[in-house]
């Protein structure tokens, strides 16, 4: 009878907003492959199959893993509307924890010993993507810039308490809120989060 041990996959996420966690759990995938290949079958696990622990830790225990060496890799780590800032791997056996070099590309080579536990931890940091919201105001009826600059403003509200008002008469933003005299238009660009609903 083949000896067994335990292989634990731990995953931490930083920078993902709570409203997007369900999407992240569906997007992130791990692959566990015995080495050499042919000793056992390769298996994939979505983050949604992990158990959420305290402090934003997700964990998956593979009990009765056959002794030997496994390659553990986060084969899908991109999350919709987020940029990946960093991905790091570490491995813990007993009381010793070591960083895994180039884990993002090669994964972690994890050895499972009889009645022992090997833990592979992958820590990802994300940053929310932003786009540009362009506001354009057209003034008709022969009004000049001086006629309207004290009276016009843009207010933009959106997710996470976003609430900005852009006043045309505010000299600090006149350079950014440009007036095209030829077309009688006011234009403003501001960075916003991707795929969110804003009210102007």
C-alpha atoms as a PDB file:
ATOM      1  CA  UNK A   1       0.000   0.000   0.000  1.00  0.00           C
ATOM      2  CA  UNK A   2       1.308   3.428  -1.010  1.00  0.00           C
ATOM      3  CA  UNK A   3       2.075   5.775   1.886  1.00  0.00           C
ATOM      4  CA  UNK A   4       0.121   9.042   2.130  1.00  0.00           C
ATOM      5  CA  UNK A   5       0.460  12.518   3.595  1.00  0.00           C
ATOM      6  CA  UNK A   6      -1.400  15.800   3.329  1.00  0.00           C
ATOM      7  CA  UNK A   7      -1.020  18.610   0.785  1.00  0.00           C
ATOM      8  CA  UNK A   8      -2.578  21.965   1.700  1.00  0.00           C
ATOM      9  CA  UNK A   9      -3.092  24.849  -0.743  1.00  0.00           C
ATOM     10  CA  UNK A  10      -3.401  28.280   0.847  1.00  0.00           C
ATOM     11  CA  UNK A  11      -4.354  31.404  -1.070  1.00  0.00           C
ATOM     12  CA  UNK A  12      -4.494  35.059  -0.027  1.00  0.00           C
ATOM     13  CA  UNK A  13      -5.933  37.965  -2.010  1.00  0.00           C
ATOM     14  CA  UNK A  14      -5.142  41.645  -1.558  1.00  0.00           C
ATOM     15  CA  UNK A  15      -6.799  44.518  -3.400  1.00  0.00           C
ATOM     16  CA  UNK A  16      -9.995  42.721  -4.462  1.00  0.00           C
ATOM     17  CA  UNK A  17     -13.150  44.561  -3.422  1.00  0.00           C
ATOM     18  CA  UNK A  18     -15.723  42.484  -1.540  1.00  0.00           C
ATOM     19  CA  UNK A  19     -18.287  42.971  -4.319  1.00  0.00           C
ATOM     20  CA  UNK A  20     -15.879  41.288  -6.767  1.00  0.00           C
ATOM     21  CA  UNK A  21     -14.859  38.296  -4.635  1.00  0.00           C
ATOM     22  CA  UNK A  22     -17.412  35.973  -6.246  1.00  0.00           C
ATOM     23  CA  UNK A  23     -15.914  36.765  -9.656  1.00  0.00           C
ATOM     24  CA  UNK A  24     -12.395  36.229  -8.296  1.00  0.00           C
ATOM     25  CA  UNK A  25     -13.306  32.842  -6.834  1.00  0.00           C
ATOM     26  CA  UNK A  26     -14.555  31.737 -10.242  1.00  0.00           C
ATOM     27  CA  UNK A  27     -11.574  33.142 -12.193  1.00  0.00           C
ATOM     28  CA  UNK A  28      -8.703  31.781 -10.077  1.00  0.00           C
ATOM     29  CA  UNK A  29      -7.651  28.178 -10.759  1.00  0.00           C
ATOM     30  CA  UNK A  30      -4.948  25.913  -9.297  1.00  0.00           C
ATOM     31  CA  UNK A  31      -3.475  22.821 -10.929  1.00  0.00           C
ATOM     32  CA  UNK A  32      -1.848  20.020  -8.905  1.00  0.00           C
ATOM     33  CA  UNK A  33       0.238  17.682 -11.053  1.00  0.00           C
ATOM     34  CA  UNK A  34       2.181  14.648  -9.814  1.00  0.00           C
ATOM     35  CA  UNK A  35       5.843  14.584 -10.826  1.00  0.00           C
ATOM     36  CA  UNK A  36       6.899  12.686 -12.797  1.00  0.00           C
ATOM     37  CA  UNK A  37       3.732  12.693 -14.854  1.00  0.00           C
ATOM     38  CA  UNK A  38       2.030   9.347 -15.094  1.00  0.00           C
ATOM     39  CA  UNK A  39       2.380   8.585 -11.379  1.00  0.00           C
ATOM     40  CA  UNK A  40      -1.066  10.046 -10.829  1.00  0.00           C
ATOM     41  CA  UNK A  41      -3.627  12.275 -12.505  1.00  0.00           C
ATOM     42  CA  UNK A  42      -3.451  16.045 -12.697  1.00  0.00           C
ATOM     43  CA  UNK A  43      -6.291  17.878 -10.957  1.00  0.00           C
ATOM     44  CA  UNK A  44      -7.593  21.433 -11.096  1.00  0.00           C
ATOM     45  CA  UNK A  45      -9.341  23.370  -8.329  1.00  0.00           C
ATOM     46  CA  UNK A  46     -11.186  26.668  -8.523  1.00  0.00           C
ATOM     47  CA  UNK A  47     -10.824  29.079  -5.633  1.00  0.00           C
ATOM     48  CA  UNK A  48     -14.561  28.634  -5.085  1.00  0.00           C
ATOM     49  CA  UNK A  49     -13.757  25.087  -3.889  1.00  0.00           C
ATOM     50  CA  UNK A  50     -11.482  26.425  -1.146  1.00  0.00           C
ATOM     51  CA  UNK A  51     -12.681  27.062   2.408  1.00  0.00           C
ATOM     52  CA  UNK A  52     -12.539  30.700   3.474  1.00  0.00           C
ATOM     53  CA  UNK A  53     -10.696  31.143   6.756  1.00  0.00           C
ATOM     54  CA  UNK A  54     -10.204  34.228   8.924  1.00  0.00           C
ATOM     55  CA  UNK A  55      -8.096  37.131   7.682  1.00  0.00           C
ATOM     56  CA  UNK A  56      -8.889  36.628   4.003  1.00  0.00           C
ATOM     57  CA  UNK A  57      -7.194  33.221   3.798  1.00  0.00           C
ATOM     58  CA  UNK A  58      -8.578  30.507   1.513  1.00  0.00           C
ATOM     59  CA  UNK A  59      -7.492  26.925   2.098  1.00  0.00           C
ATOM     60  CA  UNK A  60      -7.891  23.539   0.398  1.00  0.00           C
ATOM     61  CA  UNK A  61      -6.720  20.326   2.063  1.00  0.00           C
ATOM     62  CA  UNK A  62      -5.884  17.299  -0.048  1.00  0.00           C
ATOM     63  CA  UNK A  63      -5.924  14.512   2.502  1.00  0.00           C
ATOM     64  CA  UNK A  64      -4.418  11.118   1.775  1.00  0.00           C
ATOM     65  CA  UNK A  65      -2.198  12.519  -0.960  1.00  0.00           C
ATOM     66  CA  UNK A  66       0.140   9.803  -2.190  1.00  0.00           C
ATOM     67  CA  UNK A  67       3.731  10.387  -1.088  1.00  0.00           C
ATOM     68  CA  UNK A  68       5.927  11.915  -3.752  1.00  0.00           C
ATOM     69  CA  UNK A  69       6.516  15.226  -5.467  1.00  0.00           C
ATOM     70  CA  UNK A  70       3.798  17.458  -6.889  1.00  0.00           C
ATOM     71  CA  UNK A  71       3.929  20.621  -8.983  1.00  0.00           C
ATOM     72  CA  UNK A  72       1.414  23.124  -7.604  1.00  0.00           C
ATOM     73  CA  UNK A  73       0.668  26.102  -9.832  1.00  0.00           C
ATOM     74  CA  UNK A  74      -1.914  28.853  -9.940  1.00  0.00           C
ATOM     75  CA  UNK A  75      -2.667  28.392 -13.623  1.00  0.00           C
ATOM     76  CA  UNK A  76      -5.283  31.172 -13.769  1.00  0.00           C
ATOM     77  CA  UNK A  77      -4.856  34.218 -11.561  1.00  0.00           C
ATOM     78  CA  UNK A  78      -6.227  37.117 -13.603  1.00  0.00           C
ATOM     79  CA  UNK A  79      -9.447  38.650 -12.275  1.00  0.00           C
ATOM     80  CA  UNK A  80     -11.773  40.657 -14.496  1.00  0.00           C
ATOM     81  CA  UNK A  81     -11.305  44.435 -14.141  1.00  0.00           C
ATOM     82  CA  UNK A  82      -8.110  44.050 -12.069  1.00  0.00           C
ATOM     83  CA  UNK A  83      -4.401  44.260 -12.833  1.00  0.00           C
ATOM     84  CA  UNK A  84      -2.050  41.791 -11.140  1.00  0.00           C
ATOM     85  CA  UNK A  85       0.551  43.653  -9.077  1.00  0.00           C
ATOM     86  CA  UNK A  86       2.424  40.670  -7.656  1.00  0.00           C
ATOM     87  CA  UNK A  87       2.251  36.887  -7.215  1.00  0.00           C
ATOM     88  CA  UNK A  88       4.429  35.105  -4.653  1.00  0.00           C
ATOM     89  CA  UNK A  89       4.781  31.461  -3.624  1.00  0.00           C
ATOM     90  CA  UNK A  90       6.029  29.955  -0.373  1.00  0.00           C
ATOM     91  CA  UNK A  91       6.162  26.419   0.981  1.00  0.00           C
ATOM     92  CA  UNK A  92       5.957  25.191   4.576  1.00  0.00           C
ATOM     93  CA  UNK A  93       7.053  21.766   5.799  1.00  0.00           C
ATOM     94  CA  UNK A  94       6.956  21.332   9.547  1.00  0.00           C
ATOM     95  CA  UNK A  95       8.158  24.597  11.098  1.00  0.00           C
ATOM     96  CA  UNK A  96      10.232  25.689   8.104  1.00  0.00           C
ATOM     97  CA  UNK A  97       8.883  28.103   5.475  1.00  0.00           C
ATOM     98  CA  UNK A  98      10.800  28.974   2.321  1.00  0.00           C
ATOM     99  CA  UNK A  99      10.048  31.357  -0.536  1.00  0.00           C
ATOM    100  CA  UNK A 100       9.680  29.725  -3.952  1.00  0.00           C
ATOM    101  CA  UNK A 101      11.677  31.455  -6.664  1.00  0.00           C
ATOM    102  CA  UNK A 102       9.875  32.090  -9.966  1.00  0.00           C
ATOM    103  CA  UNK A 103       6.713  30.434  -8.666  1.00  0.00           C
ATOM    104  CA  UNK A 104       4.564  32.608 -10.912  1.00  0.00           C
ATOM    105  CA  UNK A 105       6.035  30.901 -13.990  1.00  0.00           C
ATOM    106  CA  UNK A 106       7.052  27.469 -12.731  1.00  0.00           C
ATOM    107  CA  UNK A 107       4.801  26.860  -9.740  1.00  0.00           C
ATOM    108  CA  UNK A 108       6.040  25.134  -6.572  1.00  0.00           C
ATOM    109  CA  UNK A 109       7.605  21.691  -6.391  1.00  0.00           C
ATOM    110  CA  UNK A 110       6.067  20.217  -3.241  1.00  0.00           C
ATOM    111  CA  UNK A 111       7.190  16.939  -1.689  1.00  0.00           C
ATOM    112  CA  UNK A 112       4.655  15.024   0.382  1.00  0.00           C
ATOM    113  CA  UNK A 113       6.090  12.635   2.984  1.00  0.00           C
ATOM    114  CA  UNK A 114       4.409   9.866   4.957  1.00  0.00           C
ATOM    115  CA  UNK A 115       2.007  11.210   7.620  1.00  0.00           C
ATOM    116  CA  UNK A 116       3.377  14.737   7.082  1.00  0.00           C
ATOM    117  CA  UNK A 117       1.781  17.980   5.903  1.00  0.00           C
ATOM    118  CA  UNK A 118       3.165  20.191   3.139  1.00  0.00           C
ATOM    119  CA  UNK A 119       1.624  23.646   2.698  1.00  0.00           C
ATOM    120  CA  UNK A 120       1.917  25.708  -0.484  1.00  0.00           C
ATOM    121  CA  UNK A 121       0.833  29.335  -0.080  1.00  0.00           C
ATOM    122  CA  UNK A 122       0.205  31.700  -2.975  1.00  0.00           C
ATOM    123  CA  UNK A 123      -0.253  35.394  -2.208  1.00  0.00           C
ATOM    124  CA  UNK A 124      -1.636  37.673  -4.925  1.00  0.00           C
ATOM    125  CA  UNK A 125      -1.956  41.458  -4.917  1.00  0.00           C
ATOM    126  CA  UNK A 126      -4.311  43.218  -7.323  1.00  0.00           C
ATOM    127  CA  UNK A 127      -5.119  46.769  -8.365  1.00  0.00           C
ATOM    128  CA  UNK A 128      -8.475  47.909  -9.699  1.00  0.00           C
ATOM    129  CA  UNK A 129      -8.334  48.969 -13.332  1.00  0.00           C
ATOM    130  CA  UNK A 130      -9.433  52.491 -14.230  1.00  0.00           C
ATOM    131  CA  UNK A 131     -10.725  54.072 -17.403  1.00  0.00           C
ATOM    132  CA  UNK A 132     -11.602  57.609 -18.460  1.00  0.00           C
ATOM    133  CA  UNK A 133     -14.983  59.302 -18.305  1.00  0.00           C
ATOM    134  CA  UNK A 134     -15.210  62.168 -20.784  1.00  0.00           C
ATOM    135  CA  UNK A 135     -17.733  64.930 -20.054  1.00  0.00           C
ATOM    136  CA  UNK A 136     -18.744  67.335 -22.808  1.00  0.00           C
ATOM    137  CA  UNK A 137     -21.048  70.350 -22.417  1.00  0.00           C
ATOM    138  CA  UNK A 138     -22.315  72.352 -25.367  1.00  0.00           C
ATOM    139  CA  UNK A 139     -23.513  75.912 -24.908  1.00  0.00           C
ATOM    140  CA  UNK A 140     -25.907  77.310 -27.529  1.00  0.00           C
ATOM    141  CA  UNK A 141     -27.567  80.660 -28.064  1.00  0.00           C
ATOM    142  CA  UNK A 142     -24.496  82.812 -28.491  1.00  0.00           C
ATOM    143  CA  UNK A 143     -23.306  82.621 -24.864  1.00  0.00           C
ATOM    144  CA  UNK A 144     -19.614  83.255 -24.297  1.00  0.00           C
ATOM    145  CA  UNK A 145     -17.247  81.638 -21.829  1.00  0.00           C
ATOM    146  CA  UNK A 146     -17.484  84.660 -19.535  1.00  0.00           C
ATOM    147  CA  UNK A 147     -21.302  84.461 -19.617  1.00  0.00           C
ATOM    148  CA  UNK A 148     -21.496  80.877 -18.356  1.00  0.00           C
ATOM    149  CA  UNK A 149     -18.335  80.059 -16.426  1.00  0.00           C
ATOM    150  CA  UNK A 150     -19.864  81.083 -13.063  1.00  0.00           C
ATOM    151  CA  UNK A 151     -23.021  79.066 -13.624  1.00  0.00           C
ATOM    152  CA  UNK A 152     -21.966  75.658 -14.961  1.00  0.00           C
ATOM    153  CA  UNK A 153     -20.602  72.625 -13.145  1.00  0.00           C
ATOM    154  CA  UNK A 154     -20.455  68.857 -13.533  1.00  0.00           C
ATOM    155  CA  UNK A 155     -21.252  66.469 -10.672  1.00  0.00           C
ATOM    156  CA  UNK A 156     -20.281  62.813 -11.026  1.00  0.00           C
ATOM    157  CA  UNK A 157     -21.340  60.176  -8.485  1.00  0.00           C
ATOM    158  CA  UNK A 158     -20.499  56.504  -8.509  1.00  0.00           C
ATOM    159  CA  UNK A 159     -19.455  53.406  -6.531  1.00  0.00           C
ATOM    160  CA  UNK A 160     -17.574  53.426  -3.239  1.00  0.00           C
ATOM    161  CA  UNK A 161     -18.800  56.905  -2.370  1.00  0.00           C
ATOM    162  CA  UNK A 162     -17.327  58.542  -5.474  1.00  0.00           C
ATOM    163  CA  UNK A 163     -18.728  62.093  -5.599  1.00  0.00           C
ATOM    164  CA  UNK A 164     -16.888  64.829  -7.484  1.00  0.00           C
ATOM    165  CA  UNK A 165     -18.099  68.238  -8.637  1.00  0.00           C
ATOM    166  CA  UNK A 166     -16.202  70.078 -11.353  1.00  0.00           C
ATOM    167  CA  UNK A 167     -16.976  73.808 -11.399  1.00  0.00           C
ATOM    168  CA  UNK A 168     -16.078  75.707 -14.527  1.00  0.00           C
ATOM    169  CA  UNK A 169     -15.295  78.852 -12.524  1.00  0.00           C
ATOM    170  CA  UNK A 170     -12.813  76.989 -10.312  1.00  0.00           C
ATOM    171  CA  UNK A 171      -9.458  78.243 -11.616  1.00  0.00           C
ATOM    172  CA  UNK A 172      -7.669  75.189 -10.259  1.00  0.00           C
ATOM    173  CA  UNK A 173      -9.341  72.968 -12.843  1.00  0.00           C
ATOM    174  CA  UNK A 174      -9.746  75.385 -15.751  1.00  0.00           C
ATOM    175  CA  UNK A 175      -6.639  73.957 -17.340  1.00  0.00           C
ATOM    176  CA  UNK A 176      -8.118  70.460 -17.140  1.00  0.00           C
ATOM    177  CA  UNK A 177     -11.700  71.450 -17.940  1.00  0.00           C
ATOM    178  CA  UNK A 178     -10.933  72.847 -21.356  1.00  0.00           C
ATOM    179  CA  UNK A 179     -13.045  75.314 -23.311  1.00  0.00           C
ATOM    180  CA  UNK A 180     -13.082  74.983 -27.066  1.00  0.00           C
ATOM    181  CA  UNK A 181     -14.147  78.447 -28.214  1.00  0.00           C
ATOM    182  CA  UNK A 182     -14.483  77.384 -31.824  1.00  0.00           C
ATOM    183  CA  UNK A 183     -17.058  74.696 -30.994  1.00  0.00           C
ATOM    184  CA  UNK A 184     -18.407  76.339 -27.834  1.00  0.00           C
ATOM    185  CA  UNK A 185     -17.795  73.127 -25.853  1.00  0.00           C
ATOM    186  CA  UNK A 186     -16.491  72.387 -22.397  1.00  0.00           C
ATOM    187  CA  UNK A 187     -14.683  69.074 -21.956  1.00  0.00           C
ATOM    188  CA  UNK A 188     -13.470  67.197 -18.896  1.00  0.00           C
ATOM    189  CA  UNK A 189     -11.751  63.816 -18.454  1.00  0.00           C
ATOM    190  CA  UNK A 190     -11.518  62.006 -15.135  1.00  0.00           C
ATOM    191  CA  UNK A 191     -10.337  58.513 -14.131  1.00  0.00           C
ATOM    192  CA  UNK A 192     -13.034  56.072 -13.011  1.00  0.00           C
ATOM    193  CA  UNK A 193     -13.253  52.371 -12.172  1.00  0.00           C
ATOM    194  CA  UNK A 194     -13.967  50.069 -15.091  1.00  0.00           C
ATOM    195  CA  UNK A 195     -17.415  48.607 -15.684  1.00  0.00           C
ATOM    196  CA  UNK A 196     -19.118  50.546 -12.872  1.00  0.00           C
ATOM    197  CA  UNK A 197     -22.230  52.708 -13.094  1.00  0.00           C
ATOM    198  CA  UNK A 198     -21.754  56.450 -12.720  1.00  0.00           C
ATOM    199  CA  UNK A 199     -24.317  59.256 -12.689  1.00  0.00           C
ATOM    200  CA  UNK A 200     -23.482  62.622 -14.291  1.00  0.00           C
END
